[in-house]
C-alpha atoms as a PDB file:
ATOM      1  CA  MET A   1     -83.088 162.818 123.318  1.00  0.00           C
ATOM      2  CA  VAL A   2     -82.100 165.281 120.580  1.00  0.00           C
ATOM      3  CA  LEU A   3     -81.038 167.848 123.193  1.00  0.00           C
ATOM      4  CA  LEU A   4     -78.989 165.248 125.035  1.00  0.00           C
ATOM      5  CA  LYS A   5     -77.354 164.135 121.788  1.00  0.00           C
ATOM      6  CA  ASN A   6     -76.291 167.673 120.969  1.00  0.00           C
ATOM      7  CA  ARG A   7     -74.733 168.259 124.393  1.00  0.00           C
ATOM      8  CA  LEU A   8     -72.829 164.984 124.815  1.00  0.00           C
ATOM      9  CA  PRO A   9     -69.578 164.131 123.006  1.00  0.00           C
ATOM     10  CA  LYS A  10     -70.091 161.977 119.933  1.00  0.00           C
ATOM     11  CA  LYS A  11     -68.260 158.932 121.304  1.00  0.00           C
ATOM     12  CA  LEU A  12     -70.081 159.115 124.631  1.00  0.00           C
ATOM     13  CA  TRP A  13     -73.425 159.402 122.825  1.00  0.00           C
ATOM     14  CA  LYS A  14     -72.677 156.286 120.747  1.00  0.00           C
ATOM     15  CA  VAL A  15     -71.784 154.325 123.886  1.00  0.00           C
ATOM     16  CA  LEU A  16     -74.948 155.523 125.622  1.00  0.00           C
ATOM     17  CA  GLU A  17     -77.091 154.718 122.594  1.00  0.00           C
ATOM     18  CA  PHE A  18     -75.590 151.232 122.245  1.00  0.00           C
ATOM     19  CA  THR A  19     -75.993 150.498 125.965  1.00  0.00           C
ATOM     20  CA  THR A  20     -79.606 151.703 125.982  1.00  0.00           C
ATOM     21  CA  THR A  21     -80.447 149.592 122.920  1.00  0.00           C
ATOM     22  CA  GLN A  22     -78.925 146.468 124.443  1.00  0.00           C
ATOM     23  CA  LEU A  23     -80.729 146.987 127.747  1.00  0.00           C
ATOM     24  CA  MET A  24     -84.036 147.406 125.935  1.00  0.00           C
ATOM     25  CA  MET A  25     -83.419 144.216 123.954  1.00  0.00           C
ATOM     26  CA  ILE A  26     -82.615 142.333 127.155  1.00  0.00           C
ATOM     27  CA  ALA A  27     -85.770 143.699 128.792  1.00  0.00           C
ATOM     28  CA  VAL A  28     -87.899 142.470 125.877  1.00  0.00           C
ATOM     29  CA  VAL A  29     -86.210 139.141 125.115  1.00  0.00           C
ATOM     30  CA  GLY A  30     -85.091 138.290 128.649  1.00  0.00           C
ATOM     31  CA  PRO A  31     -88.475 137.057 129.966  1.00  0.00           C
ATOM     32  CA  PHE A  32     -88.861 134.629 127.048  1.00  0.00           C
ATOM     33  CA  PHE A  33     -85.405 133.158 127.571  1.00  0.00           C
ATOM     34  CA  PHE A  34     -86.044 132.975 131.310  1.00  0.00           C
ATOM     35  CA  VAL A  35     -89.179 130.894 130.716  1.00  0.00           C
ATOM     36  CA  PHE A  36     -87.218 128.496 128.512  1.00  0.00           C
ATOM     37  CA  PHE A  37     -84.359 128.321 131.014  1.00  0.00           C
ATOM     38  CA  TYR A  38     -86.804 127.747 133.876  1.00  0.00           C
ATOM     39  CA  MET A  39     -88.439 124.921 131.947  1.00  0.00           C
ATOM     40  CA  PHE A  40     -85.073 123.342 131.136  1.00  0.00           C
ATOM     41  CA  TRP A  41     -83.773 123.708 134.690  1.00  0.00           C
ATOM     42  CA  ASN A  42     -86.928 122.145 136.154  1.00  0.00           C
ATOM     43  CA  SER A  43     -86.556 119.245 133.753  1.00  0.00           C
ATOM     44  CA  LEU A  44     -83.367 118.371 135.652  1.00  0.00           C
ATOM     45  CA  LYS A  45     -85.015 118.476 139.074  1.00  0.00           C
ATOM     46  CA  PRO A  46     -85.870 115.363 141.082  1.00  0.00           C
ATOM     47  CA  ASP A  47     -89.617 114.927 141.445  1.00  0.00           C
ATOM     48  CA  TYR A  48     -89.557 115.609 145.195  1.00  0.00           C
ATOM     49  CA  LEU A  49     -88.137 119.106 144.505  1.00  0.00           C
ATOM     50  CA  PHE A  50     -90.400 119.962 141.610  1.00  0.00           C
ATOM     51  CA  PHE A  51     -92.981 121.815 143.702  1.00  0.00           C
ATOM     52  CA  GLU A  52     -90.319 123.853 145.468  1.00  0.00           C
ATOM     53  CA  PRO A  53     -89.784 126.697 142.964  1.00  0.00           C
ATOM     54  CA  GLY A  54     -87.330 128.467 145.250  1.00  0.00           C
ATOM     55  CA  THR A  55     -84.843 125.603 145.036  1.00  0.00           C
ATOM     56  CA  TRP A  56     -82.276 126.429 142.361  1.00  0.00           C
ATOM     57  CA  ILE A  57     -79.270 124.439 143.522  1.00  0.00           C
ATOM     58  CA  PHE A  58     -79.521 120.660 143.258  1.00  0.00           C
ATOM     59  CA  GLU A  59     -77.857 117.744 141.537  1.00  0.00           C
ATOM     60  CA  PRO A  60     -79.145 117.656 137.942  1.00  0.00           C
ATOM     61  CA  MET A  61     -80.942 114.462 136.902  1.00  0.00           C
ATOM     62  CA  TRP A  62     -80.544 113.723 133.203  1.00  0.00           C
ATOM     63  CA  SER A  63     -82.553 110.555 133.738  1.00  0.00           C
ATOM     64  CA  ASN A  64     -85.731 112.521 132.978  1.00  0.00           C
ATOM     65  CA  TYR A  65     -84.554 112.891 129.381  1.00  0.00           C
ATOM     66  CA  THR A  66     -83.535 109.255 129.077  1.00  0.00           C
ATOM     67  CA  ASP A  67     -86.932 108.185 130.438  1.00  0.00           C
ATOM     68  CA  VAL A  68     -88.740 110.346 127.885  1.00  0.00           C
ATOM     69  CA  ILE A  69     -86.575 109.099 125.001  1.00  0.00           C
ATOM     70  CA  GLU A  70     -86.742 105.418 125.932  1.00  0.00           C
ATOM     71  CA  ASN A  71     -90.242 105.064 127.393  1.00  0.00           C
ATOM     72  CA  SER A  72     -92.412 107.395 125.319  1.00  0.00           C
ATOM     73  CA  ASP A  73     -93.501 108.043 121.751  1.00  0.00           C
ATOM     74  CA  LEU A  74     -92.087 111.566 121.720  1.00  0.00           C
ATOM     75  CA  PHE A  75     -90.040 111.249 118.521  1.00  0.00           C
ATOM     76  CA  PRO A  76     -92.860 109.630 116.488  1.00  0.00           C
ATOM     77  CA  ASN A  77     -95.139 112.379 117.808  1.00  0.00           C
ATOM     78  CA  ILE A  78     -92.645 115.031 116.706  1.00  0.00           C
ATOM     79  CA  VAL A  79     -92.661 113.432 113.252  1.00  0.00           C
ATOM     80  CA  ASN A  80     -96.469 113.640 113.289  1.00  0.00           C
ATOM     81  CA  SER A  81     -96.214 117.330 114.150  1.00  0.00           C
ATOM     82  CA  LEU A  82     -93.736 117.939 111.350  1.00  0.00           C
ATOM     83  CA  ILE A  83     -96.024 116.238 108.831  1.00  0.00           C
ATOM     84  CA  ILE A  84     -99.205 117.963 110.029  1.00  0.00           C
ATOM     85  CA  SER A  85     -97.725 121.420 110.596  1.00  0.00           C
ATOM     86  CA  GLY A  86     -95.651 121.326 107.424  1.00  0.00           C
ATOM     87  CA  THR A  87     -98.568 120.299 105.219  1.00  0.00           C
ATOM     88  CA  ALA A  88    -100.997 122.744 106.845  1.00  0.00           C
ATOM     89  CA  THR A  89     -98.422 125.518 106.453  1.00  0.00           C
ATOM     90  CA  LEU A  90     -97.844 124.833 102.757  1.00  0.00           C
ATOM     91  CA  ILE A  91    -101.567 124.720 102.020  1.00  0.00           C
ATOM     92  CA  GLY A  92    -102.225 127.815 104.117  1.00  0.00           C
ATOM     93  CA  LEU A  93     -99.382 129.707 102.428  1.00  0.00           C
ATOM     94  CA  PHE A  94    -100.558 128.743  98.936  1.00  0.00           C
ATOM     95  CA  CYS A  95    -104.181 129.665  99.642  1.00  0.00           C
ATOM     96  CA  GLY A  96    -103.118 132.827 101.452  1.00  0.00           C
ATOM     97  CA  LEU A  97    -100.971 133.952  98.522  1.00  0.00           C
ATOM     98  CA  LEU A  98    -103.708 133.389  95.935  1.00  0.00           C
ATOM     99  CA  THR A  99    -106.452 134.894  98.093  1.00  0.00           C
ATOM    100  CA  SER A 100    -104.469 137.986  99.058  1.00  0.00           C
ATOM    101  CA  TYR A 101    -103.567 138.574  95.395  1.00  0.00           C
ATOM    102  CA  THR A 102    -107.227 138.277  94.394  1.00  0.00           C
ATOM    103  CA  VAL A 103    -108.336 140.646  97.144  1.00  0.00           C
ATOM    104  CA  THR A 104    -105.763 143.343  96.377  1.00  0.00           C
ATOM    105  CA  ARG A 105    -105.963 143.249  92.574  1.00  0.00           C
ATOM    106  CA  PHE A 106    -109.758 142.915  92.263  1.00  0.00           C
ATOM    107  CA  ASN A 107    -110.656 145.006  95.338  1.00  0.00           C
ATOM    108  CA  MET A 108    -112.712 142.253  96.984  1.00  0.00           C
ATOM    109  CA  ARG A 109    -112.974 143.826 100.428  1.00  0.00           C
ATOM    110  CA  LYS A 110    -116.068 141.832 101.387  1.00  0.00           C
ATOM    111  CA  LEU A 111    -113.977 138.693 101.161  1.00  0.00           C
ATOM    112  CA  VAL A 112    -111.498 140.264 103.591  1.00  0.00           C
ATOM    113  CA  VAL A 113    -114.313 140.938 106.049  1.00  0.00           C
ATOM    114  CA  GLY A 114    -115.417 137.312 105.794  1.00  0.00           C
ATOM    115  CA  ILE A 115    -111.892 136.090 106.496  1.00  0.00           C
ATOM    116  CA  LEU A 116    -111.654 138.489 109.431  1.00  0.00           C
ATOM    117  CA  LEU A 117    -114.838 137.021 110.882  1.00  0.00           C
ATOM    118  CA  THR A 118    -113.334 133.533 110.760  1.00  0.00           C
ATOM    119  CA  ARG A 119    -110.356 134.865 112.747  1.00  0.00           C
ATOM    120  CA  MET A 120    -112.655 136.482 115.310  1.00  0.00           C
ATOM    121  CA  ILE A 121    -114.572 133.274 116.025  1.00  0.00           C
ATOM    122  CA  PRO A 122    -112.582 130.981 118.384  1.00  0.00           C
ATOM    123  CA  TYR A 123    -111.828 127.751 116.574  1.00  0.00           C
ATOM    124  CA  ILE A 124    -112.474 125.851 119.797  1.00  0.00           C
ATOM    125  CA  THR A 125    -116.212 126.475 119.253  1.00  0.00           C
ATOM    126  CA  ALA A 126    -116.009 124.277 116.141  1.00  0.00           C
ATOM    127  CA  LEU A 127    -114.524 121.281 117.937  1.00  0.00           C
ATOM    128  CA  VAL A 128    -117.839 119.500 118.522  1.00  0.00           C
ATOM    129  CA  PRO A 129    -119.084 120.009 114.921  1.00  0.00           C
ATOM    130  CA  PHE A 130    -115.656 118.925 113.683  1.00  0.00           C
ATOM    131  CA  TRP A 131    -115.811 115.762 115.801  1.00  0.00           C
ATOM    132  CA  ILE A 132    -119.327 114.870 114.613  1.00  0.00           C
ATOM    133  CA  VAL A 133    -118.485 115.390 110.932  1.00  0.00           C
ATOM    134  CA  TYR A 134    -115.171 113.584 111.244  1.00  0.00           C
ATOM    135  CA  LYS A 135    -116.832 110.614 112.919  1.00  0.00           C
ATOM    136  CA  HIS A 136    -119.236 110.184 109.976  1.00  0.00           C
ATOM    137  CA  LEU A 137    -116.439 110.658 107.410  1.00  0.00           C
ATOM    138  CA  GLY A 138    -113.963 108.389 109.173  1.00  0.00           C
ATOM    139  CA  LEU A 139    -111.404 111.188 109.641  1.00  0.00           C
ATOM    140  CA  LEU A 140    -111.016 110.867 113.404  1.00  0.00           C
ATOM    141  CA  ASN A 141    -107.491 109.910 114.514  1.00  0.00           C
ATOM    142  CA  THR A 142    -106.016 110.507 111.060  1.00  0.00           C
ATOM    143  CA  HIS A 143    -103.331 112.828 109.733  1.00  0.00           C
ATOM    144  CA  VAL A 144    -105.662 114.124 107.025  1.00  0.00           C
ATOM    145  CA  GLY A 145    -108.316 115.067 109.551  1.00  0.00           C
ATOM    146  CA  ILE A 146    -105.933 117.060 111.749  1.00  0.00           C
ATOM    147  CA  ILE A 147    -104.368 118.770 108.721  1.00  0.00           C
ATOM    148  CA  LEU A 148    -107.807 119.874 107.498  1.00  0.00           C
ATOM    149  CA  ALA A 149    -108.619 121.192 110.976  1.00  0.00           C
ATOM    150  CA  HIS A 150    -105.346 123.124 111.148  1.00  0.00           C
ATOM    151  CA  LEU A 151    -106.279 124.911 107.922  1.00  0.00           C
ATOM    152  CA  VAL A 152    -108.766 126.862 110.033  1.00  0.00           C
ATOM    153  CA  ILE A 153    -105.662 128.433 111.609  1.00  0.00           C
ATOM    154  CA  THR A 154    -103.186 128.688 108.748  1.00  0.00           C
ATOM    155  CA  ILE A 155    -105.356 129.902 105.846  1.00  0.00           C
ATOM    156  CA  PRO A 156    -106.934 132.997 107.485  1.00  0.00           C
ATOM    157  CA  PHE A 157    -103.623 133.873 109.108  1.00  0.00           C
ATOM    158  CA  GLY A 158    -101.774 133.422 105.822  1.00  0.00           C
ATOM    159  CA  VAL A 159    -104.235 135.652 104.008  1.00  0.00           C
ATOM    160  CA  TRP A 160    -103.979 138.481 106.518  1.00  0.00           C
ATOM    161  CA  ILE A 161    -100.186 138.419 106.650  1.00  0.00           C
ATOM    162  CA  MET A 162     -99.738 138.198 102.859  1.00  0.00           C
ATOM    163  CA  LEU A 163    -102.173 141.069 102.175  1.00  0.00           C
ATOM    164  CA  GLY A 164     -99.606 143.625 103.294  1.00  0.00           C
ATOM    165  CA  PHE A 165     -96.875 142.189 101.101  1.00  0.00           C
ATOM    166  CA  ILE A 166     -99.015 141.946  97.954  1.00  0.00           C
ATOM    167  CA  GLU A 167    -100.257 145.510  98.416  1.00  0.00           C
ATOM    168  CA  ASP A 168     -96.635 146.724  98.477  1.00  0.00           C
ATOM    169  CA  ILE A 169     -95.937 145.281  95.008  1.00  0.00           C
ATOM    170  CA  PRO A 170     -96.663 147.974  92.364  1.00  0.00           C
ATOM    171  CA  LYS A 171     -99.340 146.945  89.910  1.00  0.00           C
ATOM    172  CA  GLU A 172     -97.359 148.740  87.188  1.00  0.00           C
ATOM    173  CA  LEU A 173     -94.848 145.882  87.165  1.00  0.00           C
ATOM    174  CA  GLU A 174     -97.572 143.450  86.144  1.00  0.00           C
ATOM    175  CA  GLU A 175     -98.938 145.870  83.570  1.00  0.00           C
ATOM    176  CA  ALA A 176     -95.470 146.134  82.032  1.00  0.00           C
ATOM    177  CA  ALA A 177     -95.338 142.353  81.809  1.00  0.00           C
ATOM    178  CA  TRP A 178     -98.759 142.282  80.136  1.00  0.00           C
ATOM    179  CA  ILE A 179     -97.531 144.776  77.552  1.00  0.00           C
ATOM    180  CA  ASP A 180     -94.592 142.460  76.844  1.00  0.00           C
ATOM    181  CA  GLY A 181     -97.030 139.636  76.116  1.00  0.00           C
ATOM    182  CA  ALA A 182     -97.216 137.850  79.467  1.00  0.00           C
ATOM    183  CA  SER A 183    -100.543 136.580  80.707  1.00  0.00           C
ATOM    184  CA  ARG A 184    -101.878 137.397  84.171  1.00  0.00           C
ATOM    185  CA  THR A 185    -100.826 133.956  85.386  1.00  0.00           C
ATOM    186  CA  GLU A 186     -97.295 134.356  84.022  1.00  0.00           C
ATOM    187  CA  ALA A 187     -97.003 137.821  85.551  1.00  0.00           C
ATOM    188  CA  PHE A 188     -98.173 136.442  88.872  1.00  0.00           C
ATOM    189  CA  TRP A 189     -95.639 133.606  89.018  1.00  0.00           C
ATOM    190  CA  ARG A 190     -92.710 135.516  87.502  1.00  0.00           C
ATOM    191  CA  ILE A 191     -93.169 138.894  89.203  1.00  0.00           C
ATOM    192  CA  VAL A 192     -95.495 138.781  92.200  1.00  0.00           C
ATOM    193  CA  VAL A 193     -94.292 135.513  93.696  1.00  0.00           C
ATOM    194  CA  PRO A 194     -90.534 136.312  93.587  1.00  0.00           C
ATOM    195  CA  LEU A 195     -91.078 139.803  95.001  1.00  0.00           C
ATOM    196  CA  SER A 196     -93.233 138.457  97.828  1.00  0.00           C
ATOM    197  CA  ALA A 197     -90.698 135.764  98.799  1.00  0.00           C
ATOM    198  CA  PRO A 198     -89.626 137.480 102.074  1.00  0.00           C
ATOM    199  CA  GLY A 199     -93.258 137.754 103.107  1.00  0.00           C
ATOM    200  CA  MET A 200     -93.874 134.120 102.206  1.00  0.00           C
ATOM    201  CA  ILE A 201     -90.989 133.037 104.437  1.00  0.00           C
ATOM    202  CA  ALA A 202     -92.281 135.099 107.364  1.00  0.00           C
ATOM    203  CA  THR A 203     -95.829 133.837 106.829  1.00  0.00           C
ATOM    204  CA  ALA A 204     -94.710 130.215 106.581  1.00  0.00           C
ATOM    205  CA  ILE A 205     -92.730 130.413 109.820  1.00  0.00           C
ATOM    206  CA  LEU A 206     -95.568 132.033 111.755  1.00  0.00           C
ATOM    207  CA  CYS A 207     -98.155 129.589 110.375  1.00  0.00           C
ATOM    208  CA  PHE A 208     -95.864 126.680 111.212  1.00  0.00           C
ATOM    209  CA  ILE A 209     -95.401 127.877 114.790  1.00  0.00           C
ATOM    210  CA  PHE A 210     -99.145 128.359 115.326  1.00  0.00           C
ATOM    211  CA  SER A 211     -99.875 124.934 113.869  1.00  0.00           C
ATOM    212  CA  TRP A 212     -97.048 123.259 115.810  1.00  0.00           C
ATOM    213  CA  ASN A 213     -98.196 124.713 119.128  1.00  0.00           C
ATOM    214  CA  ASN A 214    -101.859 123.839 118.658  1.00  0.00           C
ATOM    215  CA  PHE A 215    -102.992 121.423 121.322  1.00  0.00           C
ATOM    216  CA  MET A 216    -106.764 121.212 121.482  1.00  0.00           C
ATOM    217  CA  LEU A 217    -107.477 120.256 117.860  1.00  0.00           C
ATOM    218  CA  ALA A 218    -104.865 117.508 117.948  1.00  0.00           C
ATOM    219  CA  LEU A 219    -106.091 116.154 121.283  1.00  0.00           C
ATOM    220  CA  VAL A 220    -109.798 116.039 120.391  1.00  0.00           C
ATOM    221  CA  LEU A 221    -109.547 114.990 116.734  1.00  0.00           C
ATOM    222  CA  GLY A 222    -106.385 112.905 116.875  1.00  0.00           C
ATOM    223  CA  GLY A 223    -106.301 111.627 120.429  1.00  0.00           C
ATOM    224  CA  PHE A 224    -103.343 109.477 121.396  1.00  0.00           C
ATOM    225  CA  ASP A 225    -103.480 107.489 118.140  1.00  0.00           C
ATOM    226  CA  VAL A 226    -102.170 110.350 116.001  1.00  0.00           C
ATOM    227  CA  ALA A 227    -100.637 112.379 118.804  1.00  0.00           C
ATOM    228  CA  THR A 228     -98.650 115.514 118.045  1.00  0.00           C
ATOM    229  CA  ALA A 229     -95.752 116.934 120.043  1.00  0.00           C
ATOM    230  CA  PRO A 230     -97.891 119.047 122.447  1.00  0.00           C
ATOM    231  CA  VAL A 231    -100.139 116.053 123.119  1.00  0.00           C
ATOM    232  CA  SER A 232     -97.088 113.962 124.014  1.00  0.00           C
ATOM    233  CA  VAL A 233     -96.243 116.509 126.721  1.00  0.00           C
ATOM    234  CA  TYR A 234     -99.805 116.298 128.034  1.00  0.00           C
ATOM    235  CA  LYS A 235     -99.319 112.617 128.782  1.00  0.00           C
ATOM    236  CA  TYR A 236     -97.095 113.608 131.701  1.00  0.00           C
ATOM    237  CA  ALA A 237     -99.547 116.176 133.099  1.00  0.00           C
ATOM    238  CA  ASP A 238    -100.683 114.049 136.070  1.00  0.00           C
ATOM    239  CA  PRO A 239     -98.783 115.344 139.139  1.00  0.00           C
ATOM    240  CA  GLU A 240     -99.759 112.285 141.181  1.00  0.00           C
ATOM    241  CA  ALA A 241     -97.950 110.033 138.714  1.00  0.00           C
ATOM    242  CA  GLY A 242     -94.635 111.667 139.588  1.00  0.00           C
ATOM    243  CA  GLY A 243     -93.753 112.606 136.030  1.00  0.00           C
ATOM    244  CA  SER A 244     -93.313 116.356 136.465  1.00  0.00           C
ATOM    245  CA  GLY A 245     -89.634 116.282 135.568  1.00  0.00           C
ATOM    246  CA  GLN A 246     -90.367 114.138 132.517  1.00  0.00           C
ATOM    247  CA  MET A 247     -93.090 116.594 131.490  1.00  0.00           C
ATOM    248  CA  MET A 248     -90.610 119.478 131.547  1.00  0.00           C
ATOM    249  CA  ALA A 249     -88.053 117.391 129.679  1.00  0.00           C
ATOM    250  CA  ALA A 250     -90.599 116.540 126.990  1.00  0.00           C
ATOM    251  CA  ALA A 251     -91.683 120.202 126.754  1.00  0.00           C
ATOM    252  CA  THR A 252     -88.052 121.265 126.332  1.00  0.00           C
ATOM    253  CA  MET A 253     -87.471 118.730 123.576  1.00  0.00           C
ATOM    254  CA  VAL A 254     -90.670 119.788 121.810  1.00  0.00           C
ATOM    255  CA  THR A 255     -89.599 123.446 121.896  1.00  0.00           C
ATOM    256  CA  ILE A 256     -86.103 122.859 120.507  1.00  0.00           C
ATOM    257  CA  PRO A 257     -87.041 122.073 116.833  1.00  0.00           C
ATOM    258  CA  VAL A 258     -89.044 125.297 116.363  1.00  0.00           C
ATOM    259  CA  PHE A 259     -86.381 127.303 118.202  1.00  0.00           C
ATOM    260  CA  PHE A 260     -83.612 126.152 115.881  1.00  0.00           C
ATOM    261  CA  ILE A 261     -85.765 126.563 112.751  1.00  0.00           C
ATOM    262  CA  VAL A 262     -86.443 130.193 113.638  1.00  0.00           C
ATOM    263  CA  LEU A 263     -82.804 130.703 114.634  1.00  0.00           C
ATOM    264  CA  ALA A 264     -81.583 129.326 111.305  1.00  0.00           C
ATOM    265  CA  ILE A 265     -83.662 131.697 109.185  1.00  0.00           C
ATOM    266  CA  GLN A 266     -83.976 134.655 111.533  1.00  0.00           C
ATOM    267  CA  LYS A 267     -82.562 137.066 108.927  1.00  0.00           C
ATOM    268  CA  GLN A 268     -85.157 136.077 106.328  1.00  0.00           C
ATOM    269  CA  LEU A 269     -87.904 136.230 108.957  1.00  0.00           C
ATOM    270  CA  ALA A 270     -86.880 139.711 110.095  1.00  0.00           C
ATOM    271  CA  ALA A 271     -86.565 140.918 106.491  1.00  0.00           C
ATOM    272  CA  GLY A 272     -90.006 139.571 105.635  1.00  0.00           C
ATOM    273  CA  LEU A 273     -91.735 141.123 108.637  1.00  0.00           C
ATOM    274  CA  THR A 274     -90.010 144.450 108.036  1.00  0.00           C
ATOM    275  CA  SER A 275     -90.750 144.679 104.316  1.00  0.00           C
ATOM    276  CA  GLY A 276     -94.418 143.953 104.908  1.00  0.00           C
ATOM    277  CA  GLY A 277     -94.751 147.004 107.105  1.00  0.00           C
ATOM    278  CA  VAL A 278     -93.037 149.507 104.786  1.00  0.00           C
ATOM    279  CA  LYS A 279     -95.102 151.418 102.240  1.00  0.00           C
ATOM    280  CA  GLY A 280     -93.828 153.189  99.150  1.00  0.00           C
END
């Protein structure tokens, strides 16, 4: 590439570099947008064409969306997801921030290994113990029960993501604050927390997405009484019932909130992920 850059005219090299960058971005992002477009386009198909994937030209049927809006609990389920995912994200972010600070400043590497082990064990193996304990405690089919279960996802993930950001903050800044009379707690809230804000935003978004997309915990521990957005899509999963188009419509509507949240704060998300990977 360096040899080619030296031989080509400067303007031609800039055009070639820009074109190559755009093509690479399309190659990476294109499949994800295609999946979303395919889901949306199938949501407009009549049911008798749903199992004909080669059929792309047909008269769109917006009735699938009206059926989902009028005859399902999709919007209450989305509200449930917002409550559960939002609360689990806040708790996971708070615990992740405190734990990562403790690990980095007090060199508690054994704690990191323990957290890593919890990430290595599939949470689905804890579903039966969860269900038994929840049944005795009366937490089945409750928001509190699902939020507590989602902490298995958000807390370890929050700790591992925030570790990189806390390690990048020089300890000398806190020591300077201590010399000026600040306590460790004051130095933490006035120095560490503001400097780790980009990482907190990135961590919160990723935790929220993982919690929002979780299906199995919500289905087993919440059932249809406290159904979340993914569970509402599952209600249309019976192909013999003829609700394939409605299933795609519900899946599209469930995807839209997270898509626009990420789109609205994409700059902060990119800045947070980038700063966490830069040392020095």
